[in-house]
C-alpha atoms as a PDB file:
ATOM      1  CA  UNK A   1       0.000   0.000   0.000  1.00  0.00           C
ATOM      2  CA  UNK A   2       1.388   3.366  -1.044  1.00  0.00           C
ATOM      3  CA  UNK A   3       1.503   6.399   1.226  1.00  0.00           C
ATOM      4  CA  UNK A   4      -1.145   8.043  -0.961  1.00  0.00           C
ATOM      5  CA  UNK A   5      -3.476   5.064  -0.471  1.00  0.00           C
ATOM      6  CA  UNK A   6      -2.913   5.225   3.267  1.00  0.00           C
ATOM      7  CA  UNK A   7      -3.777   8.903   3.243  1.00  0.00           C
ATOM      8  CA  UNK A   8      -7.030   8.269   1.386  1.00  0.00           C
ATOM      9  CA  UNK A   9      -7.979   5.420   3.730  1.00  0.00           C
ATOM     10  CA  UNK A  10      -7.715   7.863   6.629  1.00  0.00           C
ATOM     11  CA  UNK A  11      -9.630  10.537   4.712  1.00  0.00           C
ATOM     12  CA  UNK A  12     -12.534   8.228   3.860  1.00  0.00           C
ATOM     13  CA  UNK A  13     -12.636   6.791   7.367  1.00  0.00           C
ATOM     14  CA  UNK A  14     -12.900  10.275   8.883  1.00  0.00           C
ATOM     15  CA  UNK A  15     -15.347  11.424   6.211  1.00  0.00           C
ATOM     16  CA  UNK A  16     -17.526   8.381   6.889  1.00  0.00           C
ATOM     17  CA  UNK A  17     -17.414   8.991  10.633  1.00  0.00           C
ATOM     18  CA  UNK A  18     -18.566  12.604  10.149  1.00  0.00           C
ATOM     19  CA  UNK A  19     -21.421  11.534   7.881  1.00  0.00           C
ATOM     20  CA  UNK A  20     -22.243   8.822  10.407  1.00  0.00           C
ATOM     21  CA  UNK A  21     -22.746  11.563  12.991  1.00  0.00           C
ATOM     22  CA  UNK A  22     -25.121  13.345  10.615  1.00  0.00           C
ATOM     23  CA  UNK A  23     -26.860  10.031   9.897  1.00  0.00           C
ATOM     24  CA  UNK A  24     -27.607   9.716  13.621  1.00  0.00           C
ATOM     25  CA  UNK A  25     -29.451  13.032  13.454  1.00  0.00           C
ATOM     26  CA  UNK A  26     -31.454  11.901  10.424  1.00  0.00           C
ATOM     27  CA  UNK A  27     -32.297   8.533  11.985  1.00  0.00           C
ATOM     28  CA  UNK A  28     -33.627  10.200  15.123  1.00  0.00           C
ATOM     29  CA  UNK A  29     -35.395  13.228  13.648  1.00  0.00           C
ATOM     30  CA  UNK A  30     -36.699  12.322  10.185  1.00  0.00           C
ATOM     31  CA  UNK A  31     -39.371   9.834  11.336  1.00  0.00           C
ATOM     32  CA  UNK A  32     -40.644  12.512  13.724  1.00  0.00           C
ATOM     33  CA  UNK A  33     -40.936  15.065  10.955  1.00  0.00           C
ATOM     34  CA  UNK A  34     -38.318  17.298  12.613  1.00  0.00           C
ATOM     35  CA  UNK A  35     -35.679  19.366  10.837  1.00  0.00           C
ATOM     36  CA  UNK A  36     -32.347  17.600  10.498  1.00  0.00           C
ATOM     37  CA  UNK A  37     -30.555  20.979  10.498  1.00  0.00           C
ATOM     38  CA  UNK A  38     -32.101  23.050  13.301  1.00  0.00           C
ATOM     39  CA  UNK A  39     -31.779  23.050  16.201  1.00  0.00           C
ATOM     40  CA  UNK A  40     -28.211  21.856  16.550  1.00  0.00           C
ATOM     41  CA  UNK A  41     -27.232  18.742  18.483  1.00  0.00           C
ATOM     42  CA  UNK A  42     -28.420  18.899  22.067  1.00  0.00           C
ATOM     43  CA  UNK A  43     -29.068  16.642  25.053  1.00  0.00           C
ATOM     44  CA  UNK A  44     -32.614  15.297  25.019  1.00  0.00           C
ATOM     45  CA  UNK A  45     -32.659  15.327  28.822  1.00  0.00           C
ATOM     46  CA  UNK A  46     -31.352  18.774  29.834  1.00  0.00           C
ATOM     47  CA  UNK A  47     -31.822  20.392  26.371  1.00  0.00           C
ATOM     48  CA  UNK A  48     -28.388  22.020  26.531  1.00  0.00           C
ATOM     49  CA  UNK A  49     -26.495  22.205  23.201  1.00  0.00           C
ATOM     50  CA  UNK A  50     -23.660  19.791  22.555  1.00  0.00           C
ATOM     51  CA  UNK A  51     -20.478  21.803  22.011  1.00  0.00           C
ATOM     52  CA  UNK A  52     -18.293  21.058  19.002  1.00  0.00           C
ATOM     53  CA  UNK A  53     -15.588  19.476  21.149  1.00  0.00           C
ATOM     54  CA  UNK A  54     -18.196  17.104  22.593  1.00  0.00           C
ATOM     55  CA  UNK A  55     -19.487  16.233  19.125  1.00  0.00           C
ATOM     56  CA  UNK A  56     -16.368  14.712  17.558  1.00  0.00           C
ATOM     57  CA  UNK A  57     -17.473  11.404  15.961  1.00  0.00           C
ATOM     58  CA  UNK A  58     -16.674   8.371  18.146  1.00  0.00           C
ATOM     59  CA  UNK A  59     -13.945  10.191  20.087  1.00  0.00           C
ATOM     60  CA  UNK A  60     -16.302  12.364  22.153  1.00  0.00           C
ATOM     61  CA  UNK A  61     -18.537   9.402  22.980  1.00  0.00           C
ATOM     62  CA  UNK A  62     -15.538   7.491  24.329  1.00  0.00           C
ATOM     63  CA  UNK A  63     -14.094  10.440  26.264  1.00  0.00           C
ATOM     64  CA  UNK A  64     -17.444  11.265  27.881  1.00  0.00           C
ATOM     65  CA  UNK A  65     -18.202   7.557  28.402  1.00  0.00           C
ATOM     66  CA  UNK A  66     -21.477   7.978  26.532  1.00  0.00           C
ATOM     67  CA  UNK A  67     -22.872  10.625  28.880  1.00  0.00           C
ATOM     68  CA  UNK A  68     -23.919  14.269  28.669  1.00  0.00           C
ATOM     69  CA  UNK A  69     -21.251  16.598  30.048  1.00  0.00           C
ATOM     70  CA  UNK A  70     -23.891  18.726  31.819  1.00  0.00           C
ATOM     71  CA  UNK A  71     -26.482  16.373  33.308  1.00  0.00           C
ATOM     72  CA  UNK A  72     -24.870  12.961  32.999  1.00  0.00           C
ATOM     73  CA  UNK A  73     -27.711  11.501  30.942  1.00  0.00           C
ATOM     74  CA  UNK A  74     -26.648   8.488  28.897  1.00  0.00           C
ATOM     75  CA  UNK A  75     -26.277   8.662  25.132  1.00  0.00           C
ATOM     76  CA  UNK A  76     -27.069   5.452  23.290  1.00  0.00           C
ATOM     77  CA  UNK A  77     -24.093   3.304  22.314  1.00  0.00           C
ATOM     78  CA  UNK A  78     -25.721   3.082  18.894  1.00  0.00           C
ATOM     79  CA  UNK A  79     -24.518   6.617  18.094  1.00  0.00           C
ATOM     80  CA  UNK A  80     -20.973   5.334  18.320  1.00  0.00           C
ATOM     81  CA  UNK A  81     -21.849   2.199  16.324  1.00  0.00           C
ATOM     82  CA  UNK A  82     -23.454   4.117  13.442  1.00  0.00           C
ATOM     83  CA  UNK A  83     -20.429   6.421  13.157  1.00  0.00           C
ATOM     84  CA  UNK A  84     -18.016   3.474  13.217  1.00  0.00           C
ATOM     85  CA  UNK A  85     -20.141   1.511  10.732  1.00  0.00           C
ATOM     86  CA  UNK A  86     -20.284   4.397   8.268  1.00  0.00           C
ATOM     87  CA  UNK A  87     -16.550   5.019   8.623  1.00  0.00           C
ATOM     88  CA  UNK A  88     -15.777   1.349   8.010  1.00  0.00           C
ATOM     89  CA  UNK A  89     -18.070   1.065   4.987  1.00  0.00           C
ATOM     90  CA  UNK A  90     -16.651   4.215   3.398  1.00  0.00           C
ATOM     91  CA  UNK A  91     -13.146   2.832   3.855  1.00  0.00           C
ATOM     92  CA  UNK A  92     -14.164  -0.504   2.329  1.00  0.00           C
ATOM     93  CA  UNK A  93     -15.761   1.283  -0.605  1.00  0.00           C
ATOM     94  CA  UNK A  94     -12.476   3.028  -1.373  1.00  0.00           C
ATOM     95  CA  UNK A  95     -10.607  -0.270  -0.980  1.00  0.00           C
ATOM     96  CA  UNK A  96     -12.851  -2.090  -3.474  1.00  0.00           C
ATOM     97  CA  UNK A  97     -13.571   0.700  -5.946  1.00  0.00           C
ATOM     98  CA  UNK A  98     -10.679   3.142  -5.767  1.00  0.00           C
ATOM     99  CA  UNK A  99     -11.066   6.692  -7.048  1.00  0.00           C
ATOM    100  CA  UNK A 100     -13.865   6.357  -9.580  1.00  0.00           C
ATOM    101  CA  UNK A 101     -17.408   7.324 -10.501  1.00  0.00           C
ATOM    102  CA  UNK A 102     -18.517   4.065  -8.923  1.00  0.00           C
ATOM    103  CA  UNK A 103     -16.991   5.148  -5.614  1.00  0.00           C
ATOM    104  CA  UNK A 104     -18.994   8.383  -5.578  1.00  0.00           C
ATOM    105  CA  UNK A 105     -22.211   6.488  -6.243  1.00  0.00           C
ATOM    106  CA  UNK A 106     -21.325   3.858  -3.646  1.00  0.00           C
ATOM    107  CA  UNK A 107     -20.759   6.463  -0.921  1.00  0.00           C
ATOM    108  CA  UNK A 108     -24.144   8.080  -1.567  1.00  0.00           C
ATOM    109  CA  UNK A 109     -25.754   4.638  -1.657  1.00  0.00           C
ATOM    110  CA  UNK A 110     -24.101   3.479   1.584  1.00  0.00           C
ATOM    111  CA  UNK A 111     -25.126   6.633   3.431  1.00  0.00           C
ATOM    112  CA  UNK A 112     -28.745   6.119   2.424  1.00  0.00           C
ATOM    113  CA  UNK A 113     -28.725   2.408   3.274  1.00  0.00           C
ATOM    114  CA  UNK A 114     -27.352   2.994   6.775  1.00  0.00           C
ATOM    115  CA  UNK A 115     -29.975   5.671   7.484  1.00  0.00           C
ATOM    116  CA  UNK A 116     -32.792   3.481   6.155  1.00  0.00           C
ATOM    117  CA  UNK A 117     -31.582   0.443   8.079  1.00  0.00           C
ATOM    118  CA  UNK A 118     -31.799   2.040  11.505  1.00  0.00           C
ATOM    119  CA  UNK A 119     -35.008   3.933  10.745  1.00  0.00           C
ATOM    120  CA  UNK A 120     -36.573   0.635   9.727  1.00  0.00           C
ATOM    121  CA  UNK A 121     -35.323  -1.048  12.905  1.00  0.00           C
ATOM    122  CA  UNK A 122     -36.862   1.722  15.022  1.00  0.00           C
ATOM    123  CA  UNK A 123     -40.105   2.473  13.191  1.00  0.00           C
ATOM    124  CA  UNK A 124     -40.694  -0.287  10.601  1.00  0.00           C
ATOM    125  CA  UNK A 125     -40.705   2.304   7.803  1.00  0.00           C
ATOM    126  CA  UNK A 126     -38.442   3.145   4.881  1.00  0.00           C
ATOM    127  CA  UNK A 127     -38.768   6.856   4.045  1.00  0.00           C
ATOM    128  CA  UNK A 128     -39.655   7.781   0.466  1.00  0.00           C
ATOM    129  CA  UNK A 129     -37.121  10.597   0.799  1.00  0.00           C
ATOM    130  CA  UNK A 130     -34.459   7.900   0.514  1.00  0.00           C
ATOM    131  CA  UNK A 131     -36.038   5.119  -1.547  1.00  0.00           C
ATOM    132  CA  UNK A 132     -37.750   7.123  -4.297  1.00  0.00           C
ATOM    133  CA  UNK A 133     -35.008   9.728  -4.554  1.00  0.00           C
ATOM    134  CA  UNK A 134     -32.497   6.865  -4.489  1.00  0.00           C
ATOM    135  CA  UNK A 135     -34.111   5.319  -7.559  1.00  0.00           C
ATOM    136  CA  UNK A 136     -33.903   8.630  -9.406  1.00  0.00           C
ATOM    137  CA  UNK A 137     -30.310   9.276  -8.332  1.00  0.00           C
ATOM    138  CA  UNK A 138     -29.367   5.700  -9.256  1.00  0.00           C
ATOM    139  CA  UNK A 139     -30.794   6.082 -12.771  1.00  0.00           C
ATOM    140  CA  UNK A 140     -29.159   9.483 -13.240  1.00  0.00           C
ATOM    141  CA  UNK A 141     -25.885   7.999 -12.058  1.00  0.00           C
ATOM    142  CA  UNK A 142     -26.172   5.170 -14.569  1.00  0.00           C
ATOM    143  CA  UNK A 143     -26.826   7.732 -17.303  1.00  0.00           C
ATOM    144  CA  UNK A 144     -23.801   9.846 -16.404  1.00  0.00           C
ATOM    145  CA  UNK A 145     -21.377   7.175 -15.191  1.00  0.00           C
ATOM    146  CA  UNK A 146     -19.336   5.730 -18.093  1.00  0.00           C
ATOM    147  CA  UNK A 147     -18.642   2.675 -15.939  1.00  0.00           C
ATOM    148  CA  UNK A 148     -22.320   1.689 -15.841  1.00  0.00           C
ATOM    149  CA  UNK A 149     -25.120   1.041 -18.340  1.00  0.00           C
ATOM    150  CA  UNK A 150     -28.432   2.852 -18.109  1.00  0.00           C
ATOM    151  CA  UNK A 151     -30.524  -0.083 -19.336  1.00  0.00           C
ATOM    152  CA  UNK A 152     -28.925  -2.360 -16.740  1.00  0.00           C
ATOM    153  CA  UNK A 153     -30.059   0.069 -14.017  1.00  0.00           C
ATOM    154  CA  UNK A 154     -33.532   0.557 -15.512  1.00  0.00           C
ATOM    155  CA  UNK A 155     -34.125  -3.185 -15.764  1.00  0.00           C
ATOM    156  CA  UNK A 156     -32.831  -3.476 -12.197  1.00  0.00           C
ATOM    157  CA  UNK A 157     -35.568  -1.103 -11.025  1.00  0.00           C
ATOM    158  CA  UNK A 158     -38.326  -3.115 -12.677  1.00  0.00           C
ATOM    159  CA  UNK A 159     -36.980  -6.522 -11.664  1.00  0.00           C
ATOM    160  CA  UNK A 160     -36.211  -5.463  -8.093  1.00  0.00           C
ATOM    161  CA  UNK A 161     -39.450  -3.632  -7.417  1.00  0.00           C
ATOM    162  CA  UNK A 162     -41.526  -5.977  -9.568  1.00  0.00           C
ATOM    163  CA  UNK A 163     -40.366  -9.146  -7.840  1.00  0.00           C
ATOM    164  CA  UNK A 164     -41.235  -7.990  -4.337  1.00  0.00           C
ATOM    165  CA  UNK A 165     -44.508  -6.451  -5.560  1.00  0.00           C
ATOM    166  CA  UNK A 166     -45.484  -9.805  -7.075  1.00  0.00           C
ATOM    167  CA  UNK A 167     -44.557 -11.647  -3.887  1.00  0.00           C
ATOM    168  CA  UNK A 168     -46.542  -9.188  -1.773  1.00  0.00           C
ATOM    169  CA  UNK A 169     -49.549  -9.509  -4.105  1.00  0.00           C
ATOM    170  CA  UNK A 170     -49.514 -13.314  -4.051  1.00  0.00           C
ATOM    171  CA  UNK A 171     -49.163 -13.341  -0.265  1.00  0.00           C
ATOM    172  CA  UNK A 172     -52.170 -11.066   0.049  1.00  0.00           C
ATOM    173  CA  UNK A 173     -54.219 -13.193  -2.385  1.00  0.00           C
ATOM    174  CA  UNK A 174     -53.649 -16.358  -0.351  1.00  0.00           C
ATOM    175  CA  UNK A 175     -53.698 -14.917   3.181  1.00  0.00           C
ATOM    176  CA  UNK A 176     -55.679 -11.666   2.864  1.00  0.00           C
ATOM    177  CA  UNK A 177     -52.915 -10.030   4.911  1.00  0.00           C
ATOM    178  CA  UNK A 178     -50.139  -7.617   4.003  1.00  0.00           C
ATOM    179  CA  UNK A 179     -46.843  -9.459   4.139  1.00  0.00           C
ATOM    180  CA  UNK A 180     -44.470  -6.979   2.513  1.00  0.00           C
ATOM    181  CA  UNK A 181     -44.319  -3.233   2.982  1.00  0.00           C
ATOM    182  CA  UNK A 182     -44.240  -0.836   0.054  1.00  0.00           C
ATOM    183  CA  UNK A 183     -40.986   0.549   1.409  1.00  0.00           C
ATOM    184  CA  UNK A 184     -39.245  -2.793   0.884  1.00  0.00           C
ATOM    185  CA  UNK A 185     -40.437  -2.874  -2.734  1.00  0.00           C
ATOM    186  CA  UNK A 186     -39.063   0.608  -3.387  1.00  0.00           C
ATOM    187  CA  UNK A 187     -35.833  -0.238  -1.551  1.00  0.00           C
ATOM    188  CA  UNK A 188     -35.139  -3.233  -3.793  1.00  0.00           C
ATOM    189  CA  UNK A 189     -35.964  -1.121  -6.847  1.00  0.00           C
ATOM    190  CA  UNK A 190     -33.401   1.407  -5.577  1.00  0.00           C
ATOM    191  CA  UNK A 191     -30.840  -1.366  -5.114  1.00  0.00           C
ATOM    192  CA  UNK A 192     -31.501  -2.517  -8.688  1.00  0.00           C
ATOM    193  CA  UNK A 193     -31.047   1.038  -9.969  1.00  0.00           C
ATOM    194  CA  UNK A 194     -27.622   1.371  -8.338  1.00  0.00           C
ATOM    195  CA  UNK A 195     -26.211  -2.160  -8.607  1.00  0.00           C
ATOM    196  CA  UNK A 196     -27.959  -3.349 -11.773  1.00  0.00           C
ATOM    197  CA  UNK A 197     -30.415  -6.166 -12.356  1.00  0.00           C
ATOM    198  CA  UNK A 198     -27.862  -8.946 -11.892  1.00  0.00           C
ATOM    199  CA  UNK A 199     -27.498  -7.922  -8.246  1.00  0.00           C
ATOM    200  CA  UNK A 200     -31.186  -8.471  -7.502  1.00  0.00           C
ATOM    201  CA  UNK A 201     -31.179 -12.316  -7.249  1.00  0.00           C
ATOM    202  CA  UNK A 202     -28.146 -12.261  -4.961  1.00  0.00           C
ATOM    203  CA  UNK A 203     -29.628  -9.557  -2.741  1.00  0.00           C
ATOM    204  CA  UNK A 204     -32.959 -11.381  -2.472  1.00  0.00           C
ATOM    205  CA  UNK A 205     -31.294 -14.689  -1.619  1.00  0.00           C
ATOM    206  CA  UNK A 206     -28.842 -13.223   0.891  1.00  0.00           C
ATOM    207  CA  UNK A 207     -31.474 -11.093   2.623  1.00  0.00           C
ATOM    208  CA  UNK A 208     -33.944 -13.985   2.756  1.00  0.00           C
ATOM    209  CA  UNK A 209     -31.411 -16.318   4.370  1.00  0.00           C
ATOM    210  CA  UNK A 210     -30.146 -13.777   6.904  1.00  0.00           C
ATOM    211  CA  UNK A 211     -33.650 -12.444   7.622  1.00  0.00           C
ATOM    212  CA  UNK A 212     -34.999 -15.956   8.143  1.00  0.00           C
ATOM    213  CA  UNK A 213     -32.271 -16.855  10.623  1.00  0.00           C
ATOM    214  CA  UNK A 214     -32.785 -13.624  12.575  1.00  0.00           C
ATOM    215  CA  UNK A 215     -36.572 -13.955  12.403  1.00  0.00           C
ATOM    216  CA  UNK A 216     -36.548 -17.506  13.739  1.00  0.00           C
ATOM    217  CA  UNK A 217     -34.192 -16.504  16.542  1.00  0.00           C
ATOM    218  CA  UNK A 218     -36.450 -13.592  17.501  1.00  0.00           C
ATOM    219  CA  UNK A 219     -39.567 -15.752  17.266  1.00  0.00           C
ATOM    220  CA  UNK A 220     -38.023 -18.260  19.637  1.00  0.00           C
ATOM    221  CA  UNK A 221     -36.928 -15.528  22.032  1.00  0.00           C
ATOM    222  CA  UNK A 222     -40.246 -13.659  22.024  1.00  0.00           C
ATOM    223  CA  UNK A 223     -42.312 -16.874  21.882  1.00  0.00           C
ATOM    224  CA  UNK A 224     -44.715 -15.403  19.328  1.00  0.00           C
ATOM    225  CA  UNK A 225     -44.010 -17.927  16.591  1.00  0.00           C
ATOM    226  CA  UNK A 226     -44.517 -16.845  12.988  1.00  0.00           C
ATOM    227  CA  UNK A 227     -46.457 -13.791  14.158  1.00  0.00           C
ATOM    228  CA  UNK A 228     -43.175 -12.099  15.080  1.00  0.00           C
ATOM    229  CA  UNK A 229     -42.761  -8.942  12.980  1.00  0.00           C
ATOM    230  CA  UNK A 230     -39.294  -8.041  11.753  1.00  0.00           C
ATOM    231  CA  UNK A 231     -38.233  -5.249   9.390  1.00  0.00           C
ATOM    232  CA  UNK A 232     -36.962  -6.675   6.110  1.00  0.00           C
ATOM    233  CA  UNK A 233     -35.278  -3.488   4.860  1.00  0.00           C
ATOM    234  CA  UNK A 234     -32.089  -3.923   6.915  1.00  0.00           C
ATOM    235  CA  UNK A 235     -31.500  -7.367   5.410  1.00  0.00           C
ATOM    236  CA  UNK A 236     -32.031  -6.084   1.877  1.00  0.00           C
ATOM    237  CA  UNK A 237     -29.512  -3.341   2.672  1.00  0.00           C
ATOM    238  CA  UNK A 238     -27.069  -5.902   4.066  1.00  0.00           C
ATOM    239  CA  UNK A 239     -27.494  -8.031   0.949  1.00  0.00           C
ATOM    240  CA  UNK A 240     -26.695  -4.991  -1.207  1.00  0.00           C
ATOM    241  CA  UNK A 241     -23.555  -4.236   0.809  1.00  0.00           C
ATOM    242  CA  UNK A 242     -22.427  -7.863   0.584  1.00  0.00           C
ATOM    243  CA  UNK A 243     -22.899  -7.732  -3.182  1.00  0.00           C
ATOM    244  CA  UNK A 244     -20.761  -4.595  -3.456  1.00  0.00           C
ATOM    245  CA  UNK A 245     -18.004  -6.043  -1.300  1.00  0.00           C
ATOM    246  CA  UNK A 246     -17.438  -9.480  -2.777  1.00  0.00           C
ATOM    247  CA  UNK A 247     -20.859 -10.893  -3.600  1.00  0.00           C
ATOM    248  CA  UNK A 248     -20.656  -9.610  -7.152  1.00  0.00           C
ATOM    249  CA  UNK A 249     -18.074 -12.308  -7.869  1.00  0.00           C
ATOM    250  CA  UNK A 250     -20.477 -15.003  -6.646  1.00  0.00           C
ATOM    251  CA  UNK A 251     -23.350 -13.546  -8.690  1.00  0.00           C
ATOM    252  CA  UNK A 252     -21.273 -13.407 -11.872  1.00  0.00           C
ATOM    253  CA  UNK A 253     -20.110 -16.987 -11.309  1.00  0.00           C
ATOM    254  CA  UNK A 254     -23.756 -18.068 -11.011  1.00  0.00           C
ATOM    255  CA  UNK A 255     -24.761 -16.325 -14.236  1.00  0.00           C
ATOM    256  CA  UNK A 256     -21.766 -17.696 -16.117  1.00  0.00           C
ATOM    257  CA  UNK A 257     -22.578 -21.208 -14.935  1.00  0.00           C
ATOM    258  CA  UNK A 258     -26.361 -21.360 -15.318  1.00  0.00           C
ATOM    259  CA  UNK A 259     -27.307 -18.379 -17.489  1.00  0.00           C
ATOM    260  CA  UNK A 260     -24.324 -17.718 -19.767  1.00  0.00           C
ATOM    261  CA  UNK A 261     -26.501 -15.835 -22.247  1.00  0.00           C
ATOM    262  CA  UNK A 262     -27.154 -13.152 -19.598  1.00  0.00           C
ATOM    263  CA  UNK A 263     -23.613 -12.822 -18.286  1.00  0.00           C
END
């Protein structure tokens, strides 16, 4: 690794940590319909503003031991985790993609996925501000990015969104109950717009396997059986990240082996 690469690893790690701090604000405020800009960061207990030196991503949380400097109220450990997760994913994106158009798109995509993941965990919703705008941005990116093909992204939107819509429709026909949220459908369409249609089967399979394992574990813990409700968006997001960071090789191997005409 060259010194220049090392420099950029540090830059993207710090940049990701800073955006992770902003993501925490979005995750907390957006579902409540609050501004993500004003007021500035403040303690929810004593309402006093968090000074800049107490708002350094990850570092301030560790130095203050996760507590407010003024009243001692605890700040969730998840703030630290989101900042570290974003920093790590940004660094991985640079490692896999290098300086390229794809890297720029990946960073925007990762930021949105992390925000949507934790909002879905908390509220079982996937905001249209991310999913619908993500589809548009993904298609525009495919149009402008010489490393991608527009038709690949457009087909990805229809296959991704269409597959989950069909599954949700069939589930409703047979059970008369909603089994898949509209947000999940739009999320997979967004994933198809950014990663292309060949990513969709991998993402569906990976998210289904991981989601099933987590769902069964939660059902056993909560003793509610198959009635246990879990958000599916985070597992779709995880499947997309896995595809970006290594899963693409597996997907291409599958297409070359079983569907060579589409590879």
